[in-house]
Amino acid sequence: MGSVKKDKRIDGLVAESVSSEEKLEGIRGGVMEKIGLIRGAISEVSKLRKEVARKRRKAAENVNLSAVKYRELEELEEACEAEDFERANRMSERLS
C-alpha cells in the first residue's frame, strides 16, 4: 500500500499535507539562505572596518604631520622675532 496524503483546507484552498522530510528540507533551505545573508553582511562589515581603520591611520598621520609643521613654524617665528636671520633662513628652506 502507498502512502496516503490527507487534504487540509486553508482559507478555502486545498493543500496536501507535507511530509516531515519535505518540511525539513524547506527549513534547511531557509536556514541556508539566512546563513548566506549573514555571511554577506559579515563580509560587508569587515570591509567597512578595514576602510575605517585605513582612514583613521591616515588621519593620525595627517595630525602628526600638521603638528610637526606647526612646531617648525613656531620655531621660524621665534627666529624672526630674535632677529636670527640665519636660523630663520634655514627654517624657511626646510619648510618649503
PDB file of N, CA and C in Angstrom:
ATOM      1  N   MET A   1       0.814  -1.176   0.000  1.00  0.00           N
ATOM      2  CA  MET A   1       0.000   0.000   0.000  1.00  0.00           C
ATOM      3  C   MET A   1       0.866   1.251   0.000  1.00  0.00           C
ATOM      4  N   GLY A   2       0.551   2.275  -0.803  1.00  0.00           N
ATOM      5  CA  GLY A   2       1.311   3.520  -0.864  1.00  0.00           C
ATOM      6  C   GLY A   2       0.944   4.448   0.271  1.00  0.00           C
ATOM      7  N   SER A   3       1.712   5.490   0.407  1.00  0.00           N
ATOM      8  CA  SER A   3       1.397   6.441   1.467  1.00  0.00           C
ATOM      9  C   SER A   3       0.231   7.312   1.020  1.00  0.00           C
ATOM     10  N   VAL A   4      -0.610   7.599   1.940  1.00  0.00           N
ATOM     11  CA  VAL A   4      -1.798   8.400   1.647  1.00  0.00           C
ATOM     12  C   VAL A   4      -1.594   9.773   2.263  1.00  0.00           C
ATOM     13  N   LYS A   5      -1.807  10.805   1.457  1.00  0.00           N
ATOM     14  CA  LYS A   5      -1.680  12.163   1.970  1.00  0.00           C
ATOM     15  C   LYS A   5      -3.074  12.708   2.206  1.00  0.00           C
ATOM     16  N   LYS A   6      -3.224  13.389   3.307  1.00  0.00           N
ATOM     17  CA  LYS A   6      -4.525  13.952   3.642  1.00  0.00           C
ATOM     18  C   LYS A   6      -4.624  15.360   3.075  1.00  0.00           C
ATOM     19  N   ASP A   7      -5.826  15.768   2.719  1.00  0.00           N
ATOM     20  CA  ASP A   7      -6.071  17.134   2.274  1.00  0.00           C
ATOM     21  C   ASP A   7      -6.447  17.981   3.479  1.00  0.00           C
ATOM     22  N   LYS A   8      -5.936  19.209   3.506  1.00  0.00           N
ATOM     23  CA  LYS A   8      -6.297  20.151   4.558  1.00  0.00           C
ATOM     24  C   LYS A   8      -6.824  21.394   3.879  1.00  0.00           C
ATOM     25  N   ARG A   9      -7.809  22.007   4.443  1.00  0.00           N
ATOM     26  CA  ARG A   9      -8.381  23.223   3.875  1.00  0.00           C
ATOM     27  C   ARG A   9      -7.824  24.426   4.628  1.00  0.00           C
ATOM     28  N   ILE A  10      -7.216  25.349   3.859  1.00  0.00           N
ATOM     29  CA  ILE A  10      -6.674  26.581   4.426  1.00  0.00           C
ATOM     30  C   ILE A  10      -7.266  27.722   3.614  1.00  0.00           C
ATOM     31  N   ASP A  11      -8.067  28.555   4.248  1.00  0.00           N
ATOM     32  CA  ASP A  11      -8.723  29.684   3.579  1.00  0.00           C
ATOM     33  C   ASP A  11      -9.413  29.249   2.291  1.00  0.00           C
ATOM     34  N   GLY A  12     -10.073  28.161   2.331  1.00  0.00           N
ATOM     35  CA  GLY A  12     -10.832  27.704   1.178  1.00  0.00           C
ATOM     36  C   GLY A  12      -9.996  27.004   0.123  1.00  0.00           C
ATOM     37  N   LEU A  13      -8.694  26.896   0.298  1.00  0.00           N
ATOM     38  CA  LEU A  13      -7.828  26.223  -0.670  1.00  0.00           C
ATOM     39  C   LEU A  13      -7.473  24.844  -0.147  1.00  0.00           C
ATOM     40  N   VAL A  14      -7.221  23.950  -1.034  1.00  0.00           N
ATOM     41  CA  VAL A  14      -6.833  22.597  -0.643  1.00  0.00           C
ATOM     42  C   VAL A  14      -5.314  22.512  -0.675  1.00  0.00           C
ATOM     43  N   ALA A  15      -4.715  22.075   0.423  1.00  0.00           N
ATOM     44  CA  ALA A  15      -3.265  21.911   0.489  1.00  0.00           C
ATOM     45  C   ALA A  15      -2.969  20.496   0.952  1.00  0.00           C
ATOM     46  N   GLU A  16      -2.049  19.834   0.272  1.00  0.00           N
ATOM     47  CA  GLU A  16      -1.666  18.490   0.696  1.00  0.00           C
ATOM     48  C   GLU A  16      -0.761  18.602   1.907  1.00  0.00           C
ATOM     49  N   SER A  17      -0.897  17.666   2.816  1.00  0.00           N
ATOM     50  CA  SER A  17       0.000  17.681   3.961  1.00  0.00           C
ATOM     51  C   SER A  17       1.405  17.344   3.476  1.00  0.00           C
ATOM     52  N   VAL A  18       2.383  17.992   4.055  1.00  0.00           N
ATOM     53  CA  VAL A  18       3.768  17.849   3.624  1.00  0.00           C
ATOM     54  C   VAL A  18       4.469  16.865   4.551  1.00  0.00           C
ATOM     55  N   SER A  19       5.276  15.993   3.975  1.00  0.00           N
ATOM     56  CA  SER A  19       5.994  15.013   4.789  1.00  0.00           C
ATOM     57  C   SER A  19       7.035  15.720   5.654  1.00  0.00           C
ATOM     58  N   SER A  20       7.472  15.038   6.684  1.00  0.00           N
ATOM     59  CA  SER A  20       8.483  15.585   7.595  1.00  0.00           C
ATOM     60  C   SER A  20       9.770  15.920   6.858  1.00  0.00           C
ATOM     61  N   GLU A  21      10.145  15.058   5.919  1.00  0.00           N
ATOM     62  CA  GLU A  21      11.378  15.300   5.161  1.00  0.00           C
ATOM     63  C   GLU A  21      11.266  16.561   4.318  1.00  0.00           C
ATOM     64  N   GLU A  22      10.104  16.763   3.725  1.00  0.00           N
ATOM     65  CA  GLU A  22       9.904  17.964   2.913  1.00  0.00           C
ATOM     66  C   GLU A  22       9.932  19.221   3.778  1.00  0.00           C
ATOM     67  N   LYS A  23       9.341  19.127   4.967  1.00  0.00           N
ATOM     68  CA  LYS A  23       9.374  20.258   5.901  1.00  0.00           C
ATOM     69  C   LYS A  23      10.817  20.568   6.295  1.00  0.00           C
ATOM     70  N   LEU A  24      11.554  19.497   6.592  1.00  0.00           N
ATOM     71  CA  LEU A  24      12.951  19.658   6.995  1.00  0.00           C
ATOM     72  C   LEU A  24      13.766  20.303   5.873  1.00  0.00           C
ATOM     73  N   GLU A  25      13.544  19.870   4.643  1.00  0.00           N
ATOM     74  CA  GLU A  25      14.254  20.459   3.500  1.00  0.00           C
ATOM     75  C   GLU A  25      13.899  21.935   3.351  1.00  0.00           C
ATOM     76  N   GLY A  26      12.638  22.255   3.565  1.00  0.00           N
ATOM     77  CA  GLY A  26      12.218  23.658   3.498  1.00  0.00           C
ATOM     78  C   GLY A  26      12.902  24.497   4.567  1.00  0.00           C
ATOM     79  N   ILE A  27      12.978  23.952   5.763  1.00  0.00           N
ATOM     80  CA  ILE A  27      13.647  24.653   6.867  1.00  0.00           C
ATOM     81  C   ILE A  27      15.132  24.807   6.564  1.00  0.00           C
ATOM     82  N   ARG A  28      15.759  23.721   6.069  1.00  0.00           N
ATOM     83  CA  ARG A  28      17.186  23.782   5.713  1.00  0.00           C
ATOM     84  C   ARG A  28      17.437  24.866   4.665  1.00  0.00           C
ATOM     85  N   GLY A  29      16.577  24.902   3.665  1.00  0.00           N
ATOM     86  CA  GLY A  29      16.722  25.918   2.617  1.00  0.00           C
ATOM     87  C   GLY A  29      16.638  27.324   3.190  1.00  0.00           C
ATOM     88  N   GLY A  30      15.683  27.541   4.093  1.00  0.00           N
ATOM     89  CA  GLY A  30      15.548  28.855   4.732  1.00  0.00           C
ATOM     90  C   GLY A  30      16.762  29.208   5.569  1.00  0.00           C
ATOM     91  N   VAL A  31      17.256  28.214   6.316  1.00  0.00           N
ATOM     92  CA  VAL A  31      18.444  28.435   7.152  1.00  0.00           C
ATOM     93  C   VAL A  31      19.658  28.755   6.282  1.00  0.00           C
ATOM     94  N   MET A  32      19.829  28.004   5.201  1.00  0.00           N
ATOM     95  CA  MET A  32      20.977  28.239   4.314  1.00  0.00           C
ATOM     96  C   MET A  32      20.901  29.631   3.684  1.00  0.00           C
ATOM     97  N   GLU A  33      19.699  30.046   3.326  1.00  0.00           N
ATOM     98  CA  GLU A  33      19.530  31.385   2.756  1.00  0.00           C
ATOM     99  C   GLU A  33      19.919  32.457   3.779  1.00  0.00           C
ATOM    100  N   LYS A  34      19.460  32.277   5.019  1.00  0.00           N
ATOM    101  CA  LYS A  34      19.795  33.241   6.071  1.00  0.00           C
ATOM    102  C   LYS A  34      21.292  33.241   6.364  1.00  0.00           C
ATOM    103  N   ILE A  35      21.909  32.065   6.350  1.00  0.00           N
ATOM    104  CA  ILE A  35      23.361  31.986   6.561  1.00  0.00           C
ATOM    105  C   ILE A  35      24.087  32.754   5.460  1.00  0.00           C
ATOM    106  N   GLY A  36      23.623  32.612   4.235  1.00  0.00           N
ATOM    107  CA  GLY A  36      24.223  33.355   3.121  1.00  0.00           C
ATOM    108  C   GLY A  36      24.097  34.858   3.320  1.00  0.00           C
ATOM    109  N   LEU A  37      22.932  35.302   3.768  1.00  0.00           N
ATOM    110  CA  LEU A  37      22.731  36.735   4.025  1.00  0.00           C
ATOM    111  C   LEU A  37      23.639  37.227   5.152  1.00  0.00           C
ATOM    112  N   ILE A  38      23.757  36.413   6.193  1.00  0.00           N
ATOM    113  CA  ILE A  38      24.614  36.781   7.327  1.00  0.00           C
ATOM    114  C   ILE A  38      26.073  36.853   6.889  1.00  0.00           C
ATOM    115  N   ARG A  39      26.509  35.888   6.093  1.00  0.00           N
ATOM    116  CA  ARG A  39      27.898  35.906   5.601  1.00  0.00           C
ATOM    117  C   ARG A  39      28.155  37.149   4.759  1.00  0.00           C
ATOM    118  N   GLY A  40      27.189  37.513   3.934  1.00  0.00           N
ATOM    119  CA  GLY A  40      27.325  38.725   3.130  1.00  0.00           C
ATOM    120  C   GLY A  40      27.428  39.962   4.005  1.00  0.00           C
ATOM    121  N   ALA A  41      26.599  40.013   5.055  1.00  0.00           N
ATOM    122  CA  ALA A  41      26.634  41.154   5.974  1.00  0.00           C
ATOM    123  C   ALA A  41      27.967  41.207   6.714  1.00  0.00           C
ATOM    124  N   ILE A  42      28.460  40.055   7.143  1.00  0.00           N
ATOM    125  CA  ILE A  42      29.752  39.995   7.841  1.00  0.00           C
ATOM    126  C   ILE A  42      30.864  40.479   6.925  1.00  0.00           C
ATOM    127  N   SER A  43      30.830  40.058   5.691  1.00  0.00           N
ATOM    128  CA  SER A  43      31.843  40.477   4.722  1.00  0.00           C
ATOM    129  C   SER A  43      31.811  41.991   4.532  1.00  0.00           C
ATOM    130  N   GLU A  44      30.621  42.543   4.420  1.00  0.00           N
ATOM    131  CA  GLU A  44      30.473  43.992   4.237  1.00  0.00           C
ATOM    132  C   GLU A  44      30.978  44.748   5.466  1.00  0.00           C
ATOM    133  N   VAL A  45      30.636  44.268   6.659  1.00  0.00           N
ATOM    134  CA  VAL A  45      31.091  44.909   7.893  1.00  0.00           C
ATOM    135  C   VAL A  45      32.609  44.844   7.985  1.00  0.00           C
ATOM    136  N   SER A  46      33.183  43.710   7.645  1.00  0.00           N
ATOM    137  CA  SER A  46      34.639  43.558   7.674  1.00  0.00           C
ATOM    138  C   SER A  46      35.300  44.548   6.726  1.00  0.00           C
ATOM    139  N   LYS A  47      34.744  44.673   5.531  1.00  0.00           N
ATOM    140  CA  LYS A  47      35.283  45.612   4.547  1.00  0.00           C
ATOM    141  C   LYS A  47      35.203  47.050   5.070  1.00  0.00           C
ATOM    142  N   LEU A  48      34.073  47.402   5.678  1.00  0.00           N
ATOM    143  CA  LEU A  48      33.904  48.753   6.213  1.00  0.00           C
ATOM    144  C   LEU A  48      34.864  49.015   7.378  1.00  0.00           C
ATOM    145  N   ARG A  49      35.068  48.017   8.234  1.00  0.00           N
ATOM    146  CA  ARG A  49      36.001  48.180   9.361  1.00  0.00           C
ATOM    147  C   ARG A  49      37.416  48.435   8.860  1.00  0.00           C
ATOM    148  N   LYS A  50      37.827  47.707   7.822  1.00  0.00           N
ATOM    149  CA  LYS A  50      39.160  47.918   7.253  1.00  0.00           C
ATOM    150  C   LYS A  50      39.278  49.319   6.671  1.00  0.00           C
ATOM    151  N   GLU A  51      38.232  49.774   6.008  1.00  0.00           N
ATOM    152  CA  GLU A  51      38.224  51.115   5.423  1.00  0.00           C
ATOM    153  C   GLU A  51      38.322  52.186   6.517  1.00  0.00           C
ATOM    154  N   VAL A  52      37.568  52.004   7.598  1.00  0.00           N
ATOM    155  CA  VAL A  52      37.606  52.953   8.711  1.00  0.00           C
ATOM    156  C   VAL A  52      38.988  52.957   9.360  1.00  0.00           C
ATOM    157  N   ALA A  53      39.582  51.792   9.539  1.00  0.00           N
ATOM    158  CA  ALA A  53      40.925  51.707  10.129  1.00  0.00           C
ATOM    159  C   ALA A  53      41.942  52.422   9.246  1.00  0.00           C
ATOM    160  N   ARG A  54      41.821  52.248   7.930  1.00  0.00           N
ATOM    161  CA  ARG A  54      42.726  52.922   6.997  1.00  0.00           C
ATOM    162  C   ARG A  54      42.557  54.441   7.099  1.00  0.00           C
ATOM    163  N   LYS A  55      41.319  54.902   7.156  1.00  0.00           N
ATOM    164  CA  LYS A  55      41.063  56.345   7.273  1.00  0.00           C
ATOM    165  C   LYS A  55      41.575  56.890   8.605  1.00  0.00           C
ATOM    166  N   ARG A  56      41.424  56.099   9.680  1.00  0.00           N
ATOM    167  CA  ARG A  56      41.903  56.525  10.991  1.00  0.00           C
ATOM    168  C   ARG A  56      43.426  56.671  10.980  1.00  0.00           C
ATOM    169  N   ARG A  57      44.124  55.693  10.370  1.00  0.00           N
ATOM    170  CA  ARG A  57      45.589  55.782  10.280  1.00  0.00           C
ATOM    171  C   ARG A  57      46.009  57.007   9.476  1.00  0.00           C
ATOM    172  N   LYS A  58      45.313  57.259   8.373  1.00  0.00           N
ATOM    173  CA  LYS A  58      45.629  58.408   7.524  1.00  0.00           C
ATOM    174  C   LYS A  58      45.392  59.710   8.293  1.00  0.00           C
ATOM    175  N   ALA A  59      44.299  59.785   9.048  1.00  0.00           N
ATOM    176  CA  ALA A  59      44.006  60.984   9.834  1.00  0.00           C
ATOM    177  C   ALA A  59      45.073  61.202  10.910  1.00  0.00           C
ATOM    178  N   ALA A  60      45.494  60.131  11.567  1.00  0.00           N
ATOM    179  CA  ALA A  60      46.536  60.242  12.595  1.00  0.00           C
ATOM    180  C   ALA A  60      47.842  60.720  11.971  1.00  0.00           C
ATOM    181  N   GLU A  61      48.149  60.204  10.792  1.00  0.00           N
ATOM    182  CA  GLU A  61      49.359  60.636  10.081  1.00  0.00           C
ATOM    183  C   GLU A  61      49.275  62.127   9.745  1.00  0.00           C
ATOM    184  N   ASN A  62      48.112  62.570   9.275  1.00  0.00           N
ATOM    185  CA  ASN A  62      47.929  63.986   8.945  1.00  0.00           C
ATOM    186  C   ASN A  62      48.052  64.876  10.178  1.00  0.00           C
ATOM    187  N   VAL A  63      47.517  64.416  11.302  1.00  0.00           N
ATOM    188  CA  VAL A  63      47.626  65.178  12.551  1.00  0.00           C
ATOM    189  C   VAL A  63      49.089  65.302  12.950  1.00  0.00           C
ATOM    190  N   ASN A  64      49.824  64.203  12.874  1.00  0.00           N
ATOM    191  CA  ASN A  64      51.241  64.235  13.243  1.00  0.00           C
ATOM    192  C   ASN A  64      52.037  65.159  12.328  1.00  0.00           C
ATOM    193  N   LEU A  65      51.786  65.088  11.022  1.00  0.00           N
ATOM    194  CA  LEU A  65      52.487  65.970  10.083  1.00  0.00           C
ATOM    195  C   LEU A  65      52.149  67.434  10.348  1.00  0.00           C
ATOM    196  N   SER A  66      50.890  67.697  10.639  1.00  0.00           N
ATOM    197  CA  SER A  66      50.472  69.069  10.937  1.00  0.00           C
ATOM    198  C   SER A  66      51.140  69.579  12.207  1.00  0.00           C
ATOM    199  N   ALA A  67      51.252  68.728  13.211  1.00  0.00           N
ATOM    200  CA  ALA A  67      51.896  69.131  14.466  1.00  0.00           C
ATOM    201  C   ALA A  67      53.368  69.464  14.235  1.00  0.00           C
ATOM    202  N   VAL A  68      54.043  68.666  13.415  1.00  0.00           N
ATOM    203  CA  VAL A  68      55.455  68.925  13.107  1.00  0.00           C
ATOM    204  C   VAL A  68      55.593  70.250  12.366  1.00  0.00           C
ATOM    205  N   LYS A  69      54.739  70.469  11.355  1.00  0.00           N
ATOM    206  CA  LYS A  69      54.786  71.725  10.589  1.00  0.00           C
ATOM    207  C   LYS A  69      54.519  72.918  11.500  1.00  0.00           C
ATOM    208  N   TYR A  70      53.545  72.788  12.378  1.00  0.00           N
ATOM    209  CA  TYR A  70      53.209  73.883  13.291  1.00  0.00           C
ATOM    210  C   TYR A  70      54.395  74.197  14.199  1.00  0.00           C
ATOM    211  N   ARG A  71      55.029  73.156  14.719  1.00  0.00           N
ATOM    212  CA  ARG A  71      56.195  73.344  15.586  1.00  0.00           C
ATOM    213  C   ARG A  71      57.311  74.069  14.820  1.00  0.00           C
ATOM    214  N   GLU A  72      57.530  73.670  13.574  1.00  0.00           N
ATOM    215  CA  GLU A  72      58.571  74.309  12.762  1.00  0.00           C
ATOM    216  C   GLU A  72      58.220  75.770  12.472  1.00  0.00           C
ATOM    217  N   LEU A  73      56.947  76.048  12.231  1.00  0.00           N
ATOM    218  CA  LEU A  73      56.527  77.438  12.006  1.00  0.00           C
ATOM    219  C   LEU A  73      56.727  78.286  13.261  1.00  0.00           C
ATOM    220  N   GLU A  74      56.455  77.700  14.418  1.00  0.00           N
ATOM    221  CA  GLU A  74      56.691  78.421  15.671  1.00  0.00           C
ATOM    222  C   GLU A  74      58.182  78.727  15.837  1.00  0.00           C
ATOM    223  N   GLU A  75      59.035  77.757  15.495  1.00  0.00           N
ATOM    224  CA  GLU A  75      60.483  77.981  15.579  1.00  0.00           C
ATOM    225  C   GLU A  75      60.912  79.075  14.609  1.00  0.00           C
ATOM    226  N   LEU A  76      60.334  79.085  13.420  1.00  0.00           N
ATOM    227  CA  LEU A  76      60.637  80.129  12.437  1.00  0.00           C
ATOM    228  C   LEU A  76      60.227  81.492  12.979  1.00  0.00           C
ATOM    229  N   GLU A  77      59.051  81.552  13.574  1.00  0.00           N
ATOM    230  CA  GLU A  77      58.580  82.812  14.154  1.00  0.00           C
ATOM    231  C   GLU A  77      59.521  83.283  15.267  1.00  0.00           C
ATOM    232  N   GLU A  78      59.948  82.354  16.122  1.00  0.00           N
ATOM    233  CA  GLU A  78      60.880  82.706  17.200  1.00  0.00           C
ATOM    234  C   GLU A  78      62.195  83.229  16.629  1.00  0.00           C
ATOM    235  N   ALA A  79      62.682  82.582  15.575  1.00  0.00           N
ATOM    236  CA  ALA A  79      63.941  83.018  14.951  1.00  0.00           C
ATOM    237  C   ALA A  79      63.785  84.419  14.366  1.00  0.00           C
ATOM    238  N   CYS A  80      62.649  84.688  13.753  1.00  0.00           N
ATOM    239  CA  CYS A  80      62.412  86.023  13.184  1.00  0.00           C
ATOM    240  C   CYS A  80      62.329  87.072  14.285  1.00  0.00           C
ATOM    241  N   GLU A  81      61.607  86.754  15.359  1.00  0.00           N
ATOM    242  CA  GLU A  81      61.476  87.701  16.470  1.00  0.00           C
ATOM    243  C   GLU A  81      62.828  87.966  17.127  1.00  0.00           C
ATOM    244  N   ALA A  82      63.682  86.955  17.172  1.00  0.00           N
ATOM    245  CA  ALA A  82      65.011  87.110  17.774  1.00  0.00           C
ATOM    246  C   ALA A  82      65.999  87.711  16.778  1.00  0.00           C
ATOM    247  N   GLU A  83      65.511  87.984  15.582  1.00  0.00           N
ATOM    248  CA  GLU A  83      66.328  88.537  14.501  1.00  0.00           C
ATOM    249  C   GLU A  83      67.531  87.647  14.187  1.00  0.00           C
ATOM    250  N   ASP A  84      67.306  86.340  14.330  1.00  0.00           N
ATOM    251  CA  ASP A  84      68.315  85.345  13.966  1.00  0.00           C
ATOM    252  C   ASP A  84      67.996  84.907  12.532  1.00  0.00           C
ATOM    253  N   PHE A  85      68.451  85.731  11.582  1.00  0.00           N
ATOM    254  CA  PHE A  85      68.046  85.536  10.195  1.00  0.00           C
ATOM    255  C   PHE A  85      68.690  84.308   9.558  1.00  0.00           C
ATOM    256  N   GLU A  86      69.845  83.941  10.029  1.00  0.00           N
ATOM    257  CA  GLU A  86      70.479  82.723   9.521  1.00  0.00           C
ATOM    258  C   GLU A  86      69.616  81.504   9.845  1.00  0.00           C
ATOM    259  N   ARG A  87      69.241  81.424  11.109  1.00  0.00           N
ATOM    260  CA  ARG A  87      68.375  80.317  11.548  1.00  0.00           C
ATOM    261  C   ARG A  87      67.016  80.398  10.851  1.00  0.00           C
ATOM    262  N   ALA A  88      66.484  81.599  10.700  1.00  0.00           N
ATOM    263  CA  ALA A  88      65.189  81.783  10.031  1.00  0.00           C
ATOM    264  C   ALA A  88      65.269  81.306   8.582  1.00  0.00           C
ATOM    265  N   ASN A  89      66.377  81.587   7.901  1.00  0.00           N
ATOM    266  CA  ASN A  89      66.549  81.123   6.518  1.00  0.00           C
ATOM    267  C   ASN A  89      66.589  79.598   6.451  1.00  0.00           C
ATOM    268  N   ARG A  90      67.331  78.987   7.369  1.00  0.00           N
ATOM    269  CA  ARG A  90      67.395  77.519   7.401  1.00  0.00           C
ATOM    270  C   ARG A  90      66.005  76.926   7.641  1.00  0.00           C
ATOM    271  N   MET A  91      65.288  77.516   8.591  1.00  0.00           N
ATOM    272  CA  MET A  91      63.937  77.031   8.903  1.00  0.00           C
ATOM    273  C   MET A  91      63.016  77.200   7.696  1.00  0.00           C
ATOM    274  N   SER A  92      63.126  78.334   7.045  1.00  0.00           N
ATOM    275  CA  SER A  92      62.289  78.624   5.881  1.00  0.00           C
ATOM    276  C   SER A  92      62.566  77.632   4.752  1.00  0.00           C
ATOM    277  N   GLU A  93      63.846  77.322   4.533  1.00  0.00           N
ATOM    278  CA  GLU A  93      64.204  76.357   3.487  1.00  0.00           C
ATOM    279  C   GLU A  93      63.677  74.961   3.816  1.00  0.00           C
ATOM    280  N   ARG A  94      63.736  74.600   5.081  1.00  0.00           N
ATOM    281  CA  ARG A  94      63.224  73.291   5.493  1.00  0.00           C
ATOM    282  C   ARG A  94      61.713  73.188   5.296  1.00  0.00           C
ATOM    283  N   LEU A  95      61.029  74.312   5.519  1.00  0.00           N
ATOM    284  CA  LEU A  95      59.570  74.312   5.401  1.00  0.00           C
ATOM    285  C   LEU A  95      59.090  74.303   3.954  1.00  0.00           C
ATOM    286  N   SER A  96      59.936  74.754   3.033  1.00  0.00           N
ATOM    287  CA  SER A  96      59.476  74.823   1.641  1.00  0.00           C
ATOM    288  C   SER A  96      59.675  73.538   0.892  1.00  0.00           C
TER     289      SER A  96
END
